[in-house]
């Protein structure tokens, strides 16, 4: 399993929502599909570090790269939904901000999900139905919402201490949805 790579961008091929990049590592070139957001302003010759997911299918072996472990975890989680393969998951993650995608799932915002390329009504419904529970994010105000949100953030790939730290400065009177949004914003600002 290839979990992370760090190397120099040797070649880049831009597609509509993502890019194909060749990363050179000690004379070996690895080709990855990467969301354009994760590449930022990088160009050929720049060094880059990516968290990877190696997907093996009957007819292909493809490496996908992401700027952070939580984005890779979201990619893996989205693929657990029936009808969502790696290409659709990559397009989803490439077409929206991570927090907005998570919020759409938590709020069951089918209209938002249906606007994403490759997602129709049936798949959007399955995404909400199957992922809300997996993300373990509360849907109503509860006394213990902090632990639920912490667990939800851990399920998305953040460390437990990192998630707890993000929740320390969040107003205790916020509803769980607003607290989750604030925690995600805090975590992303810390990672820069």
Protein backbone atom coordinates (compact mmCIF):
# COMPACT_ATOMS: atom_id res chain seq x y z
CA UNK A 1 0.00 0.00 0.00
CA UNK A 2 1.32 3.41 -0.92
CA UNK A 3 0.17 5.81 1.78
CA UNK A 4 2.07 9.03 1.09
CA UNK A 5 4.52 10.31 -1.46
CA UNK A 6 6.81 13.29 -1.60
CA UNK A 7 8.54 14.22 -4.81
CA UNK A 8 8.88 16.62 -7.71
CA UNK A 9 6.11 17.22 -10.24
CA UNK A 10 7.56 15.98 -13.50
CA UNK A 11 4.44 16.30 -15.68
CA UNK A 12 0.90 17.64 -15.27
CA UNK A 13 -2.21 16.99 -17.35
CA UNK A 14 -5.28 19.07 -16.42
CA UNK A 15 -8.78 17.68 -16.82
CA UNK A 16 -12.07 19.44 -16.02
CA UNK A 17 -12.21 18.80 -12.25
CA UNK A 18 -8.89 17.16 -11.44
CA UNK A 19 -5.41 16.71 -12.82
CA UNK A 20 -3.14 13.83 -13.66
CA UNK A 21 0.38 14.40 -12.35
CA UNK A 22 3.57 12.43 -12.60
CA UNK A 23 5.63 12.67 -9.44
CA UNK A 24 9.30 11.74 -9.74
CA UNK A 25 10.77 9.78 -6.82
CA UNK A 26 14.42 8.75 -7.16
CA UNK A 27 14.10 8.22 -10.91
CA UNK A 28 10.69 6.52 -10.68
CA UNK A 29 7.66 8.36 -12.05
CA UNK A 30 4.31 7.72 -10.35
CA UNK A 31 1.13 8.89 -12.10
CA UNK A 32 -1.66 10.10 -9.81
CA UNK A 33 -5.08 11.66 -10.21
CA UNK A 34 -5.32 14.67 -7.87
CA UNK A 35 -8.07 17.25 -7.22
CA UNK A 36 -6.96 20.61 -8.66
CA UNK A 37 -7.63 22.22 -5.25
CA UNK A 38 -5.02 19.94 -3.73
CA UNK A 39 -2.41 20.98 -6.27
CA UNK A 40 -2.97 24.69 -5.65
CA UNK A 41 -0.57 26.79 -7.70
CA UNK A 42 2.05 24.09 -8.10
CA UNK A 43 3.77 23.76 -11.45
CA UNK A 44 6.15 21.32 -13.06
CA UNK A 45 9.38 21.25 -11.05
CA UNK A 46 7.74 22.00 -7.68
CA UNK A 47 8.08 19.56 -4.80
CA UNK A 48 4.80 18.22 -3.44
CA UNK A 49 3.67 15.85 -0.71
CA UNK A 50 0.43 13.91 -1.19
CA UNK A 51 -1.55 11.40 0.87
CA UNK A 52 -2.48 8.60 -1.48
CA UNK A 53 -5.06 5.91 -2.04
CA UNK A 54 -4.16 3.00 -4.32
CA UNK A 55 -7.30 1.59 -5.95
CA UNK A 56 -7.02 -1.82 -7.58
CA UNK A 57 -9.78 -2.97 -9.91
CA UNK A 58 -10.07 -5.94 -12.21
CA UNK A 59 -8.85 -3.91 -15.19
CA UNK A 60 -6.79 -1.14 -13.60
CA UNK A 61 -4.54 0.03 -10.77
CA UNK A 62 -4.86 3.76 -10.09
CA UNK A 63 -3.17 6.02 -7.55
CA UNK A 64 -5.10 9.03 -6.19
CA UNK A 65 -3.45 11.87 -4.26
CA UNK A 66 -4.73 14.41 -1.72
CA UNK A 67 -3.25 17.33 0.19
CA UNK A 68 -4.31 15.96 3.58
CA UNK A 69 -5.18 12.72 5.29
CA UNK A 70 -8.77 13.89 6.07
CA UNK A 71 -9.41 14.60 2.37
CA UNK A 72 -8.15 11.13 1.53
CA UNK A 73 -10.42 9.68 4.25
CA UNK A 74 -13.40 11.52 2.79
CA UNK A 75 -12.53 10.10 -0.65
CA UNK A 76 -12.47 6.59 0.81
CA UNK A 77 -15.69 7.13 2.78
CA UNK A 78 -17.63 8.46 -0.22
CA UNK A 79 -16.67 5.35 -2.20
CA UNK A 80 -18.42 3.10 0.31
CA UNK A 81 -21.75 4.34 -1.08
CA UNK A 82 -23.31 2.01 -3.63
CA UNK A 83 -22.93 3.55 -7.09
CA UNK A 84 -19.97 5.77 -6.18
CA UNK A 85 -16.63 4.61 -7.52
CA UNK A 86 -13.25 6.32 -7.31
CA UNK A 87 -13.78 8.54 -10.36
CA UNK A 88 -17.13 9.86 -9.10
CA UNK A 89 -15.70 10.29 -5.59
CA UNK A 90 -12.71 12.20 -6.99
CA UNK A 91 -14.98 14.42 -9.09
CA UNK A 92 -17.18 15.14 -6.05
CA UNK A 93 -14.23 16.10 -3.87
CA UNK A 94 -12.69 18.11 -6.71
CA UNK A 95 -15.90 20.03 -7.40
CA UNK A 96 -16.60 21.44 -3.96
CA UNK A 97 -15.05 22.58 -0.70
CA UNK A 98 -14.69 19.72 1.80
CA UNK A 99 -16.71 21.51 4.49
CA UNK A 100 -19.57 22.22 2.07
CA UNK A 101 -19.69 18.57 0.98
CA UNK A 102 -19.77 17.36 4.58
CA UNK A 103 -22.40 19.96 5.47
CA UNK A 104 -24.56 18.90 2.51
CA UNK A 105 -24.40 15.29 3.69
CA UNK A 106 -25.13 16.18 7.33
CA UNK A 107 -28.04 18.47 6.35
CA UNK A 108 -29.35 16.02 3.73
CA UNK A 109 -29.09 18.78 1.12
CA UNK A 110 -29.96 16.66 -1.90
CA UNK A 111 -30.19 19.68 -4.22
CA UNK A 112 -26.56 20.58 -3.47
CA UNK A 113 -25.34 17.02 -3.97
CA UNK A 114 -27.27 16.65 -7.24
CA UNK A 115 -25.43 19.68 -8.65
CA UNK A 116 -22.13 17.82 -8.35
CA UNK A 117 -20.95 16.15 -11.58
CA UNK A 118 -21.94 12.49 -11.83
CA UNK A 119 -24.46 12.65 -8.98
CA UNK A 120 -28.15 12.16 -9.70
CA UNK A 121 -31.14 11.96 -7.36
CA UNK A 122 -30.72 8.29 -6.50
CA UNK A 123 -27.00 8.52 -5.74
CA UNK A 124 -27.48 11.74 -3.75
CA UNK A 125 -30.12 10.02 -1.63
CA UNK A 126 -27.87 7.00 -1.07
CA UNK A 127 -24.96 9.26 -0.10
CA UNK A 128 -27.04 10.98 2.58
CA UNK A 129 -28.64 7.76 3.80
CA UNK A 130 -25.39 5.77 4.02
CA UNK A 131 -22.90 8.46 5.08
CA UNK A 132 -24.78 10.42 7.73
CA UNK A 133 -24.62 7.42 10.01
CA UNK A 134 -21.01 6.54 9.11
CA UNK A 135 -19.86 10.07 9.85
CA UNK A 136 -21.54 9.77 13.26
CA UNK A 137 -22.51 13.43 13.27
CA UNK A 138 -25.57 14.32 15.36
CA UNK A 139 -28.66 15.57 13.60
CA UNK A 140 -30.28 17.21 16.62
CA UNK A 141 -29.12 19.04 19.71
CA UNK A 142 -27.88 16.66 22.38
CA UNK A 143 -26.10 17.15 25.70
CA UNK A 144 -23.09 15.16 24.53
CA UNK A 145 -22.73 16.61 21.03
CA UNK A 146 -19.04 17.42 21.59
CA UNK A 147 -18.06 13.76 21.81
CA UNK A 148 -20.25 12.95 18.80
CA UNK A 149 -18.61 15.69 16.73
CA UNK A 150 -15.15 14.63 17.91
CA UNK A 151 -15.89 11.06 16.80
CA UNK A 152 -17.27 12.33 13.49
CA UNK A 153 -14.08 14.34 12.85
CA UNK A 154 -11.97 11.29 13.74
CA UNK A 155 -14.02 9.25 11.24
CA UNK A 156 -13.15 11.87 8.62
CA UNK A 157 -9.43 11.37 9.27
CA UNK A 158 -8.53 14.01 11.83
CA UNK A 159 -6.66 12.94 14.96
CA UNK A 160 -8.67 12.70 18.19
CA UNK A 161 -6.51 15.27 20.01
CA UNK A 162 -6.65 17.55 16.96
CA UNK A 163 -10.47 17.30 16.89
CA UNK A 164 -10.77 17.92 20.65
CA UNK A 165 -8.45 20.93 20.39
CA UNK A 166 -10.60 22.39 17.60
CA UNK A 167 -13.71 22.06 19.79
CA UNK A 168 -12.15 23.73 22.86
CA UNK A 169 -12.80 27.28 21.66
CA UNK A 170 -16.25 26.65 20.21
CA UNK A 171 -19.23 28.20 21.95
CA UNK A 172 -21.02 25.54 24.03
CA UNK A 173 -24.40 27.04 23.10
CA UNK A 174 -24.00 26.37 19.38
CA UNK A 175 -26.16 23.72 17.80
CA UNK A 176 -24.22 20.63 16.60
CA UNK A 177 -24.34 21.64 12.92
CA UNK A 178 -22.85 25.08 13.59
CA UNK A 179 -20.29 23.59 15.97
CA UNK A 180 -19.21 21.11 13.29
CA UNK A 181 -18.80 23.91 10.74
CA UNK A 182 -16.75 25.96 13.21
CA UNK A 183 -14.57 22.95 14.09
CA UNK A 184 -13.88 22.18 10.42
CA UNK A 185 -13.01 25.83 9.76
CA UNK A 186 -10.66 25.81 12.76
CA UNK A 187 -8.97 22.58 11.66
CA UNK A 188 -8.49 23.82 8.09
CA UNK A 189 -7.06 27.18 9.20
CA UNK A 190 -4.52 25.36 11.36
CA UNK A 191 -3.38 23.18 8.46
CA UNK A 192 -2.96 26.24 6.29
